[in-house]
Amino acid sequence: MTGIAKFGMKMAASEVVVNHENETSDRNSNDSSVKVICLGDSAVGKSKLVERFLMDGYKPQQLSTYALTLFQYKTSVDGIDVRVDFWDTAGQERFSSMHPSYYHQAHSCLLVFDTTRKVTYKNLPKWYNELRSYREKIPCVVIANKIDVDYSVTQRSFNFPKKHNLPLYFVSASDGTNVVKAFREAIKLAVKYKEDSTDFMDEVFRELESFDDMNLNQDDYDSSDKKSSGDEEKT
């Protein structure tokens, strides 16, 4: 790996963590939140797919760094308000590996390949294996992008999603075909996974979040109690 590449990975490591901490600090919100990550080779259309999903009437907040692009989106799943953080690679995939922070607390994954470039399909196992090394059980949706170039590709059979029992969507970021369906599926799976997860680290994080919420409530109580005591001293 070149010196420039190493420097880029170091920048990625620090900035992913900073952005993650900033975006997860709002624990007073009543909204449930899930993290959906995008994986796949460079130029398969990951960013365009996210933008296509969000473009109709939405004005998402977009934070870009050397490490990632974060799109925020609010929706409702089964009557529950959900905040979705879509994490895009912002070019990290060019190093053939993502920093572990990218996978941290992810709840579902969009695994994308380009139907016009066979190599991007052949590389799916590499990305999938890396995903499973960090997030063993999160749901994954396979997306075959750029079908608008040749719609006959939708008649082909792809063994990779069948082998791993993963849903496959034929989509086009260019004309919007099936983009909303694929993303809604990923969001629903993420919410369900977060609710039912038995992963040890997920359970640890849930306990920590509950502990922090208890501390926040206690701080509110203490400040209110101190204010009341101060009022009593004045009388």
C-alpha atoms as a PDB file:
ATOM      1  CA  MET A   1       0.000   0.000   0.000  1.00  0.00           C
ATOM      2  CA  THR A   2       1.418   3.437  -0.898  1.00  0.00           C
ATOM      3  CA  GLY A   3       2.106   6.179   1.619  1.00  0.00           C
ATOM      4  CA  ILE A   4      -0.844   8.164   0.274  1.00  0.00           C
ATOM      5  CA  ALA A   5      -3.158   5.179   0.663  1.00  0.00           C
ATOM      6  CA  LYS A   6      -1.996   4.609   4.243  1.00  0.00           C
ATOM      7  CA  PHE A   7      -2.565   8.287   5.035  1.00  0.00           C
ATOM      8  CA  GLY A   8      -6.035   8.072   3.559  1.00  0.00           C
ATOM      9  CA  MET A   9      -6.907   5.083   5.715  1.00  0.00           C
ATOM     10  CA  LYS A  10      -5.654   6.892   8.847  1.00  0.00           C
ATOM     11  CA  MET A  11      -7.853   9.879   8.003  1.00  0.00           C
ATOM     12  CA  ALA A  12     -10.758   7.518   7.441  1.00  0.00           C
ATOM     13  CA  ALA A  13     -10.308   5.890  10.823  1.00  0.00           C
ATOM     14  CA  SER A  14     -10.443   9.134  12.786  1.00  0.00           C
ATOM     15  CA  GLU A  15     -13.179  10.871  10.875  1.00  0.00           C
ATOM     16  CA  VAL A  16     -15.574   7.913  10.836  1.00  0.00           C
ATOM     17  CA  VAL A  17     -15.436   7.747  14.619  1.00  0.00           C
ATOM     18  CA  VAL A  18     -15.935  11.497  15.040  1.00  0.00           C
ATOM     19  CA  ASN A  19     -18.949  11.576  12.767  1.00  0.00           C
ATOM     20  CA  HIS A  20     -20.394   8.451  14.373  1.00  0.00           C
ATOM     21  CA  GLU A  21     -20.139   9.977  17.829  1.00  0.00           C
ATOM     22  CA  ASN A  22     -21.708  13.238  16.678  1.00  0.00           C
ATOM     23  CA  GLU A  23     -24.611  11.541  14.978  1.00  0.00           C
ATOM     24  CA  THR A  24     -25.396   9.163  17.841  1.00  0.00           C
ATOM     25  CA  SER A  25     -25.223  11.768  20.591  1.00  0.00           C
ATOM     26  CA  ASP A  26     -28.902  12.725  20.328  1.00  0.00           C
ATOM     27  CA  ARG A  27     -30.283  10.210  22.811  1.00  0.00           C
ATOM     28  CA  ASN A  28     -33.166  12.423  23.933  1.00  0.00           C
ATOM     29  CA  SER A  29     -34.979  11.810  20.637  1.00  0.00           C
ATOM     30  CA  ASN A  30     -38.036   9.556  20.675  1.00  0.00           C
ATOM     31  CA  ASP A  31     -37.182   8.249  17.233  1.00  0.00           C
ATOM     32  CA  SER A  32     -35.718   4.800  16.765  1.00  0.00           C
ATOM     33  CA  SER A  33     -32.526   4.934  14.733  1.00  0.00           C
ATOM     34  CA  VAL A  34     -30.909   2.395  12.427  1.00  0.00           C
ATOM     35  CA  LYS A  35     -27.693   2.369  10.440  1.00  0.00           C
ATOM     36  CA  VAL A  36     -27.710   1.021   6.879  1.00  0.00           C
ATOM     37  CA  ILE A  37     -24.350   0.637   5.136  1.00  0.00           C
ATOM     38  CA  CYS A  38     -23.533   0.358   1.427  1.00  0.00           C
ATOM     39  CA  LEU A  39     -20.871  -2.037   0.155  1.00  0.00           C
ATOM     40  CA  GLY A  40     -19.473  -2.909  -3.250  1.00  0.00           C
ATOM     41  CA  ASP A  41     -16.754  -2.024  -5.719  1.00  0.00           C
ATOM     42  CA  SER A  42     -15.991   1.524  -6.751  1.00  0.00           C
ATOM     43  CA  ALA A  43     -18.321   3.081  -9.352  1.00  0.00           C
ATOM     44  CA  VAL A  44     -21.114   0.505  -9.037  1.00  0.00           C
ATOM     45  CA  GLY A  45     -23.499   3.363  -8.238  1.00  0.00           C
ATOM     46  CA  LYS A  46     -23.842   3.210  -4.437  1.00  0.00           C
ATOM     47  CA  SER A  47     -24.033   6.975  -3.937  1.00  0.00           C
ATOM     48  CA  LYS A  48     -26.366   7.451  -6.908  1.00  0.00           C
ATOM     49  CA  LEU A  49     -28.726   4.826  -5.524  1.00  0.00           C
ATOM     50  CA  VAL A  50     -28.946   6.584  -2.157  1.00  0.00           C
ATOM     51  CA  GLU A  51     -29.485   9.930  -3.859  1.00  0.00           C
ATOM     52  CA  ARG A  52     -32.183   8.452  -6.105  1.00  0.00           C
ATOM     53  CA  PHE A  53     -34.013   7.019  -3.096  1.00  0.00           C
ATOM     54  CA  LEU A  54     -33.914  10.347  -1.278  1.00  0.00           C
ATOM     55  CA  MET A  55     -34.485  12.738  -4.170  1.00  0.00           C
ATOM     56  CA  ASP A  56     -38.303  12.791  -4.347  1.00  0.00           C
ATOM     57  CA  GLY A  57     -39.403  15.513  -1.977  1.00  0.00           C
ATOM     58  CA  TYR A  58     -36.657  14.933   0.592  1.00  0.00           C
ATOM     59  CA  LYS A  59     -33.840  17.220   1.615  1.00  0.00           C
ATOM     60  CA  PRO A  60     -31.487  14.957   3.566  1.00  0.00           C
ATOM     61  CA  GLN A  61     -28.575  16.235   5.586  1.00  0.00           C
ATOM     62  CA  GLN A  62     -25.368  15.149   3.908  1.00  0.00           C
ATOM     63  CA  LEU A  63     -22.034  15.097   5.717  1.00  0.00           C
ATOM     64  CA  SER A  64     -18.992  14.339   3.588  1.00  0.00           C
ATOM     65  CA  THR A  65     -15.461  13.571   4.763  1.00  0.00           C
ATOM     66  CA  TYR A  66     -12.503  11.624   3.500  1.00  0.00           C
ATOM     67  CA  ALA A  67     -14.002   8.641   5.273  1.00  0.00           C
ATOM     68  CA  LEU A  68     -17.691   8.476   4.444  1.00  0.00           C
ATOM     69  CA  THR A  69     -20.804  10.181   3.206  1.00  0.00           C
ATOM     70  CA  LEU A  70     -23.681  10.130   5.647  1.00  0.00           C
ATOM     71  CA  PHE A  71     -27.262  10.652   4.489  1.00  0.00           C
ATOM     72  CA  GLN A  72     -29.979  11.042   7.105  1.00  0.00           C
ATOM     73  CA  TYR A  73     -33.580  10.117   6.399  1.00  0.00           C
ATOM     74  CA  LYS A  74     -36.714   9.942   8.542  1.00  0.00           C
ATOM     75  CA  THR A  75     -39.561   7.534   7.874  1.00  0.00           C
ATOM     76  CA  SER A  76     -42.146   5.367   9.609  1.00  0.00           C
ATOM     77  CA  VAL A  77     -42.071   1.567   9.918  1.00  0.00           C
ATOM     78  CA  ASP A  78     -45.166  -0.134  11.321  1.00  0.00           C
ATOM     79  CA  GLY A  79     -46.249   3.121  12.940  1.00  0.00           C
ATOM     80  CA  ILE A  80     -42.867   3.769  14.556  1.00  0.00           C
ATOM     81  CA  ASP A  81     -40.833   6.863  13.646  1.00  0.00           C
ATOM     82  CA  VAL A  82     -37.418   5.785  12.442  1.00  0.00           C
ATOM     83  CA  ARG A  83     -34.301   7.784  11.667  1.00  0.00           C
ATOM     84  CA  VAL A  84     -32.152   6.049   9.069  1.00  0.00           C
ATOM     85  CA  ASP A  85     -28.462   6.812   8.686  1.00  0.00           C
ATOM     86  CA  PHE A  86     -27.246   5.668   5.264  1.00  0.00           C
ATOM     87  CA  TRP A  87     -23.470   5.284   5.299  1.00  0.00           C
ATOM     88  CA  ASP A  88     -21.683   5.415   1.952  1.00  0.00           C
ATOM     89  CA  THR A  89     -18.013   4.605   1.408  1.00  0.00           C
ATOM     90  CA  ALA A  90     -16.882   7.905  -0.176  1.00  0.00           C
ATOM     91  CA  GLY A  91     -14.123   6.039  -2.011  1.00  0.00           C
ATOM     92  CA  GLN A  92     -12.715   3.896   0.815  1.00  0.00           C
ATOM     93  CA  GLU A  93     -13.527   0.769  -1.180  1.00  0.00           C
ATOM     94  CA  ARG A  94     -10.642   1.646  -3.488  1.00  0.00           C
ATOM     95  CA  PHE A  95      -8.350   0.350  -0.726  1.00  0.00           C
ATOM     96  CA  SER A  96     -10.113  -3.044  -1.107  1.00  0.00           C
ATOM     97  CA  SER A  97     -11.111  -2.990   2.545  1.00  0.00           C
ATOM     98  CA  MET A  98     -13.221  -0.832   4.822  1.00  0.00           C
ATOM     99  CA  HIS A  99     -12.161   0.457   8.222  1.00  0.00           C
ATOM    100  CA  PRO A 100     -13.863  -1.484  11.075  1.00  0.00           C
ATOM    101  CA  SER A 101     -15.589   1.735  12.205  1.00  0.00           C
ATOM    102  CA  TYR A 102     -17.661   1.615   9.036  1.00  0.00           C
ATOM    103  CA  TYR A 103     -19.325  -1.612  10.203  1.00  0.00           C
ATOM    104  CA  HIS A 104     -19.737  -0.496  13.822  1.00  0.00           C
ATOM    105  CA  GLN A 105     -23.360  -1.003  14.972  1.00  0.00           C
ATOM    106  CA  ALA A 106     -24.696  -1.404  11.431  1.00  0.00           C
ATOM    107  CA  HIS A 107     -28.188  -2.927  11.273  1.00  0.00           C
ATOM    108  CA  SER A 108     -28.422  -3.864   7.585  1.00  0.00           C
ATOM    109  CA  CYS A 109     -26.345  -3.753   4.424  1.00  0.00           C
ATOM    110  CA  LEU A 110     -26.935  -2.913   0.765  1.00  0.00           C
ATOM    111  CA  LEU A 111     -24.478  -5.001  -1.266  1.00  0.00           C
ATOM    112  CA  VAL A 112     -24.265  -3.478  -4.753  1.00  0.00           C
ATOM    113  CA  PHE A 113     -22.815  -4.685  -8.047  1.00  0.00           C
ATOM    114  CA  ASP A 114     -22.872  -3.284 -11.589  1.00  0.00           C
ATOM    115  CA  THR A 115     -24.624  -5.539 -14.117  1.00  0.00           C
ATOM    116  CA  THR A 116     -22.435  -4.110 -16.895  1.00  0.00           C
ATOM    117  CA  ARG A 117     -19.160  -5.101 -15.174  1.00  0.00           C
ATOM    118  CA  LYS A 118     -18.749  -8.785 -14.309  1.00  0.00           C
ATOM    119  CA  VAL A 119     -15.802  -8.156 -12.010  1.00  0.00           C
ATOM    120  CA  THR A 120     -18.044  -6.235  -9.597  1.00  0.00           C
ATOM    121  CA  TYR A 121     -20.259  -9.313  -9.284  1.00  0.00           C
ATOM    122  CA  LYS A 122     -17.259 -11.618  -8.846  1.00  0.00           C
ATOM    123  CA  ASN A 123     -16.067  -9.411  -5.978  1.00  0.00           C
ATOM    124  CA  LEU A 124     -19.308  -9.729  -4.002  1.00  0.00           C
ATOM    125  CA  PRO A 125     -18.008 -12.702  -1.940  1.00  0.00           C
ATOM    126  CA  LYS A 126     -15.021 -10.618  -0.836  1.00  0.00           C
ATOM    127  CA  TRP A 127     -17.252  -7.815   0.441  1.00  0.00           C
ATOM    128  CA  TYR A 128     -19.708 -10.239   1.979  1.00  0.00           C
ATOM    129  CA  ASN A 129     -16.974 -12.115   3.849  1.00  0.00           C
ATOM    130  CA  GLU A 130     -15.574  -8.866   5.205  1.00  0.00           C
ATOM    131  CA  LEU A 131     -19.057  -7.799   6.311  1.00  0.00           C
ATOM    132  CA  ARG A 132     -19.569 -11.084   8.146  1.00  0.00           C
ATOM    133  CA  SER A 133     -16.215 -10.792   9.891  1.00  0.00           C
ATOM    134  CA  TYR A 134     -17.521  -7.658  11.637  1.00  0.00           C
ATOM    135  CA  ARG A 135     -21.312  -8.059  11.580  1.00  0.00           C
ATOM    136  CA  GLU A 136     -22.079 -11.755  11.572  1.00  0.00           C
ATOM    137  CA  LYS A 137     -25.868 -11.672  11.482  1.00  0.00           C
ATOM    138  CA  ILE A 138     -27.151  -8.385  10.093  1.00  0.00           C
ATOM    139  CA  PRO A 139     -29.515  -8.699   7.101  1.00  0.00           C
ATOM    140  CA  CYS A 140     -28.082  -7.995   3.661  1.00  0.00           C
ATOM    141  CA  VAL A 141     -29.854  -7.015   0.432  1.00  0.00           C
ATOM    142  CA  VAL A 142     -28.094  -7.608  -2.908  1.00  0.00           C
ATOM    143  CA  ILE A 143     -28.650  -4.930  -5.537  1.00  0.00           C
ATOM    144  CA  ALA A 144     -27.997  -5.470  -9.245  1.00  0.00           C
ATOM    145  CA  ASN A 145     -27.639  -1.901 -10.513  1.00  0.00           C
ATOM    146  CA  LYS A 146     -27.674  -0.330 -14.010  1.00  0.00           C
ATOM    147  CA  ILE A 147     -30.252  -2.685 -15.516  1.00  0.00           C
ATOM    148  CA  ASP A 148     -31.369   0.215 -17.746  1.00  0.00           C
ATOM    149  CA  VAL A 149     -28.335  -0.487 -19.946  1.00  0.00           C
ATOM    150  CA  ASP A 150     -29.745  -3.918 -20.842  1.00  0.00           C
ATOM    151  CA  TYR A 151     -33.025  -5.016 -19.254  1.00  0.00           C
ATOM    152  CA  SER A 152     -32.501  -8.595 -20.451  1.00  0.00           C
ATOM    153  CA  VAL A 153     -30.089  -9.020 -17.531  1.00  0.00           C
ATOM    154  CA  THR A 154     -33.141  -9.366 -15.273  1.00  0.00           C
ATOM    155  CA  GLN A 155     -33.772 -12.758 -16.887  1.00  0.00           C
ATOM    156  CA  ARG A 156     -30.409 -14.088 -15.769  1.00  0.00           C
ATOM    157  CA  SER A 157     -29.868 -16.227 -12.696  1.00  0.00           C
ATOM    158  CA  PHE A 158     -27.329 -15.090 -10.110  1.00  0.00           C
ATOM    159  CA  ASN A 159     -26.022 -17.786  -7.786  1.00  0.00           C
ATOM    160  CA  PHE A 160     -24.426 -15.613  -5.116  1.00  0.00           C
ATOM    161  CA  PRO A 161     -27.671 -14.329  -3.500  1.00  0.00           C
ATOM    162  CA  LYS A 162     -29.228 -17.786  -3.800  1.00  0.00           C
ATOM    163  CA  LYS A 163     -26.244 -19.426  -2.121  1.00  0.00           C
ATOM    164  CA  HIS A 164     -26.479 -17.091   0.878  1.00  0.00           C
ATOM    165  CA  ASN A 165     -30.269 -16.832   0.880  1.00  0.00           C
ATOM    166  CA  LEU A 166     -30.203 -13.070   0.289  1.00  0.00           C
ATOM    167  CA  PRO A 167     -32.929 -10.998  -1.393  1.00  0.00           C
ATOM    168  CA  LEU A 168     -31.949  -9.719  -4.853  1.00  0.00           C
ATOM    169  CA  TYR A 169     -33.304  -6.569  -6.484  1.00  0.00           C
ATOM    170  CA  PHE A 170     -32.750  -5.541 -10.093  1.00  0.00           C
ATOM    171  CA  VAL A 171     -32.571  -1.754 -10.001  1.00  0.00           C
ATOM    172  CA  SER A 172     -31.565   1.332 -11.923  1.00  0.00           C
ATOM    173  CA  ALA A 173     -30.254   4.444 -10.222  1.00  0.00           C
ATOM    174  CA  SER A 174     -30.721   6.161 -13.575  1.00  0.00           C
ATOM    175  CA  ASP A 175     -34.474   5.655 -14.049  1.00  0.00           C
ATOM    176  CA  GLY A 176     -35.398   4.646 -10.493  1.00  0.00           C
ATOM    177  CA  THR A 177     -36.584   1.097 -11.199  1.00  0.00           C
ATOM    178  CA  ASN A 178     -37.080  -0.824  -7.915  1.00  0.00           C
ATOM    179  CA  VAL A 179     -34.833   1.565  -5.936  1.00  0.00           C
ATOM    180  CA  VAL A 180     -37.524   2.455  -3.396  1.00  0.00           C
ATOM    181  CA  LYS A 181     -38.520  -1.205  -2.988  1.00  0.00           C
ATOM    182  CA  ALA A 182     -34.940  -2.283  -2.306  1.00  0.00           C
ATOM    183  CA  PHE A 183     -34.252   0.490   0.182  1.00  0.00           C
ATOM    184  CA  ARG A 184     -37.547   0.033   2.007  1.00  0.00           C
ATOM    185  CA  GLU A 185     -36.692  -3.654   2.358  1.00  0.00           C
ATOM    186  CA  ALA A 186     -33.284  -2.797   3.829  1.00  0.00           C
ATOM    187  CA  ILE A 187     -34.865  -0.349   6.291  1.00  0.00           C
ATOM    188  CA  LYS A 188     -37.530  -2.820   7.448  1.00  0.00           C
ATOM    189  CA  LEU A 189     -34.930  -5.557   7.889  1.00  0.00           C
ATOM    190  CA  ALA A 190     -32.709  -3.161   9.852  1.00  0.00           C
ATOM    191  CA  VAL A 191     -35.525  -2.217  12.231  1.00  0.00           C
ATOM    192  CA  LYS A 192     -36.494  -5.863  12.752  1.00  0.00           C
ATOM    193  CA  TYR A 193     -32.869  -6.859  13.319  1.00  0.00           C
ATOM    194  CA  LYS A 194     -32.347  -4.120  15.899  1.00  0.00           C
ATOM    195  CA  GLU A 195     -35.479  -5.194  17.779  1.00  0.00           C
ATOM    196  CA  ASP A 196     -34.654  -8.918  17.756  1.00  0.00           C
ATOM    197  CA  SER A 197     -30.864  -8.942  17.719  1.00  0.00           C
ATOM    198  CA  THR A 198     -29.151 -11.528  19.910  1.00  0.00           C
ATOM    199  CA  ASP A 199     -25.611 -10.513  18.939  1.00  0.00           C
ATOM    200  CA  PHE A 200     -23.540 -10.142  22.098  1.00  0.00           C
ATOM    201  CA  MET A 201     -22.127  -6.714  21.177  1.00  0.00           C
ATOM    202  CA  ASP A 202     -25.581  -5.399  20.281  1.00  0.00           C
ATOM    203  CA  GLU A 203     -26.833  -6.469  23.695  1.00  0.00           C
ATOM    204  CA  VAL A 204     -23.880  -4.716  25.325  1.00  0.00           C
ATOM    205  CA  PHE A 205     -24.585  -1.492  23.438  1.00  0.00           C
ATOM    206  CA  ARG A 206     -28.281  -1.651  24.346  1.00  0.00           C
ATOM    207  CA  GLU A 207     -27.366  -1.967  28.007  1.00  0.00           C
ATOM    208  CA  LEU A 208     -24.958   0.970  27.743  1.00  0.00           C
ATOM    209  CA  GLU A 209     -27.594   3.117  26.038  1.00  0.00           C
ATOM    210  CA  SER A 210     -30.125   2.245  28.728  1.00  0.00           C
ATOM    211  CA  PHE A 211     -27.569   3.111  31.409  1.00  0.00           C
ATOM    212  CA  ASP A 212     -26.865   6.478  29.744  1.00  0.00           C
ATOM    213  CA  ASP A 213     -30.602   7.200  29.502  1.00  0.00           C
ATOM    214  CA  MET A 214     -30.926   6.484  33.222  1.00  0.00           C
ATOM    215  CA  ASN A 215     -28.088   8.894  33.948  1.00  0.00           C
ATOM    216  CA  LEU A 216     -29.712  11.584  31.797  1.00  0.00           C
ATOM    217  CA  ASN A 217     -32.997  11.164  33.665  1.00  0.00           C
ATOM    218  CA  GLN A 218     -31.164  11.281  36.997  1.00  0.00           C
ATOM    219  CA  ASP A 219     -29.365  14.481  35.952  1.00  0.00           C
ATOM    220  CA  ASP A 220     -32.713  16.087  35.114  1.00  0.00           C
ATOM    221  CA  TYR A 221     -34.064  15.024  38.512  1.00  0.00           C
ATOM    222  CA  ASP A 222     -30.996  16.295  40.350  1.00  0.00           C
ATOM    223  CA  SER A 223     -31.070  19.675  38.625  1.00  0.00           C
ATOM    224  CA  SER A 224     -34.773  20.031  39.335  1.00  0.00           C
ATOM    225  CA  ASP A 225     -34.231  19.053  42.974  1.00  0.00           C
ATOM    226  CA  LYS A 226     -31.393  21.547  43.351  1.00  0.00           C
ATOM    227  CA  LYS A 227     -33.552  24.287  41.879  1.00  0.00           C
ATOM    228  CA  SER A 228     -36.359  23.514  44.342  1.00  0.00           C
ATOM    229  CA  SER A 229     -33.911  23.564  47.264  1.00  0.00           C
ATOM    230  CA  GLY A 230     -32.565  26.903  46.131  1.00  0.00           C
ATOM    231  CA  ASP A 231     -36.073  28.359  45.967  1.00  0.00           C
ATOM    232  CA  GLU A 232     -36.777  27.101  49.497  1.00  0.00           C
ATOM    233  CA  GLU A 233     -33.624  28.752  50.861  1.00  0.00           C
ATOM    234  CA  LYS A 234     -34.693  32.103  49.471  1.00  0.00           C
ATOM    235  CA  THR A 235     -38.085  31.995  51.244  1.00  0.00           C
END
